[in-house]
Amino acid sequence: MTRTVLTPELVLQAYRVGIFPMAGPDGEIAWFSPDPRCIFPLDAFRTPRSLRQTIRRGRFEVRINSAFDEVVAGCADRAEGTWISPEIARVYGALHRAGQAHSVEAWHAGELAGGLYGVAIGGAFFGESMFTRVTDASKVALVALVERLRARGFTLLDTQWATPHLERFGAREIPRREYLRRLAAAVQLDRRFVG
């Protein structure tokens, strides 16, 4: 059996049809298309009141794409193990340099406190992972991501699988058939995450 070589082009092609890669414990790449699929309806995103207060206090500085590789490394640094293998990190780094993958970062006292990264294609953003080193940092990055997507006319924020944490902000599962319909429309849009 021949091992598939992960390339930026292959990853983009997969996203366009509703599939994404993850590395297993042995580093082998597996491909997923969950049913149901979890998304954030951008018009129904909920920011908890305590988090709104944190944002208003200006405790964090939000930056875009200033520390992409560090965000990926932060997301990969998990005690319970990670699906972000060196190969995944390499390919997403290449996607970032090509202008397709982006990080949203929360900085505190001059240090990277948390953030998230994902891939933008047309009017779709595919959230990959998030991490935090300071309480609320990743949540601040998530709110900033949603605000940016809304302001730039994106129509789909894919979160892959539901978690209680994401559901707290309004994430919900939809059947894969509906997801693929929304995806097909979103990737055709002419949207820019930066610029």
Protein backbone atom coordinates (compact mmCIF):
# COMPACT_ATOMS: atom_id res chain seq x y z
CA MET A 1 0.00 0.00 0.00
CA THR A 2 1.43 3.38 -1.02
CA ARG A 3 1.37 6.13 1.56
CA THR A 4 -0.25 9.37 0.39
CA VAL A 5 2.12 12.32 0.52
CA LEU A 6 0.42 15.25 2.18
CA THR A 7 0.72 18.42 0.11
CA PRO A 8 -0.88 21.86 0.37
CA GLU A 9 -2.72 21.26 -2.91
CA LEU A 10 -4.16 17.95 -1.70
CA VAL A 11 -5.34 19.51 1.57
CA LEU A 12 -7.08 22.39 -0.26
CA GLN A 13 -8.71 19.96 -2.67
CA ALA A 14 -9.97 17.88 0.27
CA TYR A 15 -11.40 20.89 2.12
CA ARG A 16 -13.35 21.89 -0.99
CA VAL A 17 -15.23 18.57 -0.87
CA GLY A 18 -15.69 18.40 2.91
CA ILE A 19 -12.71 16.28 3.96
CA PHE A 20 -9.82 17.15 6.29
CA PRO A 21 -6.64 15.36 7.45
CA MET A 22 -5.44 14.43 10.93
CA ALA A 23 -2.40 12.45 12.00
CA GLY A 24 -2.79 9.36 14.16
CA PRO A 25 -0.50 8.44 17.07
CA ASP A 26 1.89 6.78 14.62
CA GLY A 27 1.98 9.90 12.42
CA GLU A 28 -0.06 8.21 9.67
CA ILE A 29 -2.47 10.64 7.99
CA ALA A 30 -6.17 9.80 8.13
CA TRP A 31 -8.98 11.65 6.36
CA PHE A 32 -12.32 12.63 7.90
CA SER A 33 -15.73 13.90 6.82
CA PRO A 34 -17.94 13.69 9.92
CA ASP A 35 -21.69 13.26 9.81
CA PRO A 36 -23.03 15.30 11.44
CA ARG A 37 -20.63 18.21 10.93
CA CYS A 38 -20.23 21.03 13.45
CA ILE A 39 -20.36 24.65 12.32
CA PHE A 40 -20.75 28.07 13.87
CA PRO A 41 -23.72 29.90 12.36
CA LEU A 42 -22.02 33.29 12.12
CA ASP A 43 -25.24 35.19 12.78
CA ALA A 44 -25.95 33.16 15.94
CA PHE A 45 -22.52 33.20 17.60
CA ARG A 46 -22.85 33.84 21.35
CA THR A 47 -20.25 35.69 23.40
CA PRO A 48 -20.76 35.09 27.13
CA ARG A 49 -21.14 38.28 29.17
CA SER A 50 -18.02 37.63 31.27
CA LEU A 51 -15.98 37.27 28.07
CA ARG A 52 -17.44 40.49 26.65
CA GLN A 53 -16.24 42.22 29.83
CA THR A 54 -12.76 40.73 29.42
CA ILE A 55 -12.61 41.99 25.83
CA ARG A 56 -13.80 45.48 26.83
CA ARG A 57 -11.09 45.69 29.49
CA GLY A 58 -8.47 45.30 26.75
CA ARG A 59 -6.51 42.66 28.60
CA PHE A 60 -5.48 41.03 25.30
CA GLU A 61 -4.12 42.40 22.05
CA VAL A 62 -5.45 40.51 19.03
CA ARG A 63 -3.10 39.98 16.09
CA ILE A 64 -3.56 38.21 12.78
CA ASN A 65 -0.83 36.01 11.25
CA SER A 66 2.01 37.42 13.35
CA ALA A 67 3.02 34.07 14.88
CA PHE A 68 1.45 31.34 12.77
CA ASP A 69 4.04 28.63 13.41
CA GLU A 70 4.01 29.37 17.15
CA VAL A 71 0.20 29.03 17.20
CA VAL A 72 0.40 25.64 15.48
CA ALA A 73 3.09 24.56 17.97
CA GLY A 74 0.90 25.75 20.85
CA CYS A 75 -2.03 23.75 19.49
CA ALA A 76 0.18 20.66 19.13
CA ASP A 77 1.53 20.92 22.70
CA ARG A 78 -1.08 18.81 24.49
CA ALA A 79 -0.56 16.46 27.41
CA GLU A 80 -3.07 13.95 26.00
CA GLY A 81 -1.36 13.78 22.62
CA THR A 82 -1.97 15.57 19.37
CA TRP A 83 -3.11 14.97 15.82
CA ILE A 84 -0.78 17.78 14.65
CA SER A 85 2.24 15.81 13.49
CA PRO A 86 5.39 17.42 12.06
CA GLU A 87 4.00 16.63 8.58
CA ILE A 88 0.70 18.40 9.37
CA ALA A 89 2.61 21.40 10.78
CA ARG A 90 4.81 21.54 7.67
CA VAL A 91 1.88 21.49 5.24
CA TYR A 92 -0.15 24.07 7.15
CA GLY A 93 2.94 26.26 7.37
CA ALA A 94 3.19 26.06 3.58
CA LEU A 95 -0.52 26.91 3.31
CA HIS A 96 0.11 29.92 5.52
CA ARG A 97 2.99 31.13 3.36
CA ALA A 98 0.69 30.72 0.32
CA GLY A 99 -1.93 32.94 1.98
CA GLN A 100 -4.47 30.15 2.63
CA ALA A 101 -3.93 29.34 6.34
CA HIS A 102 -4.22 31.99 9.03
CA SER A 103 -3.76 32.45 12.75
CA VAL A 104 -5.73 34.65 15.11
CA GLU A 105 -3.67 35.35 18.21
CA ALA A 106 -4.32 36.79 21.66
CA TRP A 107 -1.26 38.45 23.17
CA HIS A 108 -0.87 39.40 26.83
CA ALA A 109 2.02 41.40 28.29
CA GLY A 110 3.97 40.98 25.05
CA GLU A 111 3.66 37.19 25.02
CA LEU A 112 1.55 34.86 22.89
CA ALA A 113 -1.21 33.85 25.31
CA GLY A 114 -3.39 31.76 23.03
CA GLY A 115 -4.90 31.56 19.61
CA LEU A 116 -6.27 29.47 16.80
CA TYR A 117 -5.54 28.65 13.20
CA GLY A 118 -7.42 27.47 10.17
CA VAL A 119 -7.76 27.62 6.40
CA ALA A 120 -9.74 30.10 4.31
CA ILE A 121 -11.15 29.18 0.90
CA GLY A 122 -13.59 31.60 -0.69
CA GLY A 123 -16.20 32.45 1.94
CA ALA A 124 -15.45 29.41 4.10
CA PHE A 125 -13.12 29.23 7.08
CA PHE A 126 -12.09 25.82 8.38
CA GLY A 127 -11.09 26.09 12.03
CA GLU A 128 -8.40 23.57 12.84
CA SER A 129 -7.30 23.96 16.43
CA MET A 130 -6.95 26.41 19.31
CA PHE A 131 -4.87 26.66 22.48
CA THR A 132 -4.56 28.84 25.53
CA ARG A 133 -1.82 29.66 28.01
CA VAL A 134 -3.70 32.47 29.79
CA THR A 135 -7.34 32.19 30.85
CA ASP A 136 -9.73 33.37 28.11
CA ALA A 137 -7.00 33.92 25.49
CA SER A 138 -8.29 31.34 23.00
CA LYS A 139 -11.85 32.55 23.57
CA VAL A 140 -10.82 36.12 22.75
CA ALA A 141 -9.20 34.83 19.55
CA LEU A 142 -12.38 32.95 18.64
CA VAL A 143 -14.53 36.07 19.10
CA ALA A 144 -12.06 38.05 16.97
CA LEU A 145 -12.21 35.37 14.27
CA VAL A 146 -16.01 35.48 14.12
CA GLU A 147 -16.03 39.28 14.00
CA ARG A 148 -13.52 39.22 11.13
CA LEU A 149 -15.47 36.61 9.18
CA ARG A 150 -18.70 38.56 9.58
CA ALA A 151 -17.07 41.84 8.55
CA ARG A 152 -15.56 40.25 5.43
CA GLY A 153 -18.71 38.47 4.25
CA PHE A 154 -17.75 34.87 5.01
CA THR A 155 -20.70 32.49 5.20
CA LEU A 156 -19.29 29.27 6.72
CA LEU A 157 -17.19 28.61 9.83
CA ASP A 158 -16.48 24.88 10.03
CA THR A 159 -15.44 23.47 13.42
CA GLN A 160 -15.47 19.80 12.35
CA TRP A 161 -16.77 18.15 15.55
CA ALA A 162 -18.93 19.49 18.37
CA THR A 163 -17.53 19.94 21.87
CA PRO A 164 -19.27 21.33 24.96
CA HIS A 165 -16.84 24.26 24.83
CA LEU A 166 -17.80 25.21 21.26
CA GLU A 167 -21.51 24.62 21.89
CA ARG A 168 -21.36 27.23 24.63
CA PHE A 169 -20.66 29.79 21.89
CA GLY A 170 -23.46 28.59 19.62
CA ALA A 171 -21.77 25.86 17.56
CA ARG A 172 -24.22 23.30 16.25
CA GLU A 173 -24.23 20.10 14.28
CA ILE A 174 -25.83 19.80 10.87
CA PRO A 175 -26.19 16.77 8.58
CA ARG A 176 -23.26 16.26 6.23
CA ARG A 177 -25.58 16.69 3.22
CA GLU A 178 -26.52 20.19 4.42
CA TYR A 179 -22.89 20.96 5.26
CA LEU A 180 -21.78 20.00 1.74
CA ARG A 181 -24.48 22.21 0.22
CA ARG A 182 -23.34 25.19 2.31
CA LEU A 183 -19.70 24.40 1.58
CA ALA A 184 -20.23 24.29 -2.19
CA ALA A 185 -21.79 27.76 -2.10
CA ALA A 186 -19.24 29.24 0.31
CA VAL A 187 -16.08 28.22 -1.53
CA GLN A 188 -17.36 29.94 -4.70
CA LEU A 189 -17.46 33.35 -2.99
CA ASP A 190 -14.72 35.92 -3.55
CA ARG A 191 -13.66 36.76 0.00
CA ARG A 192 -10.34 37.75 1.59
CA PHE A 193 -9.32 36.89 5.13
CA VAL A 194 -6.49 39.43 4.95
CA GLY A 195 -5.76 42.33 2.67
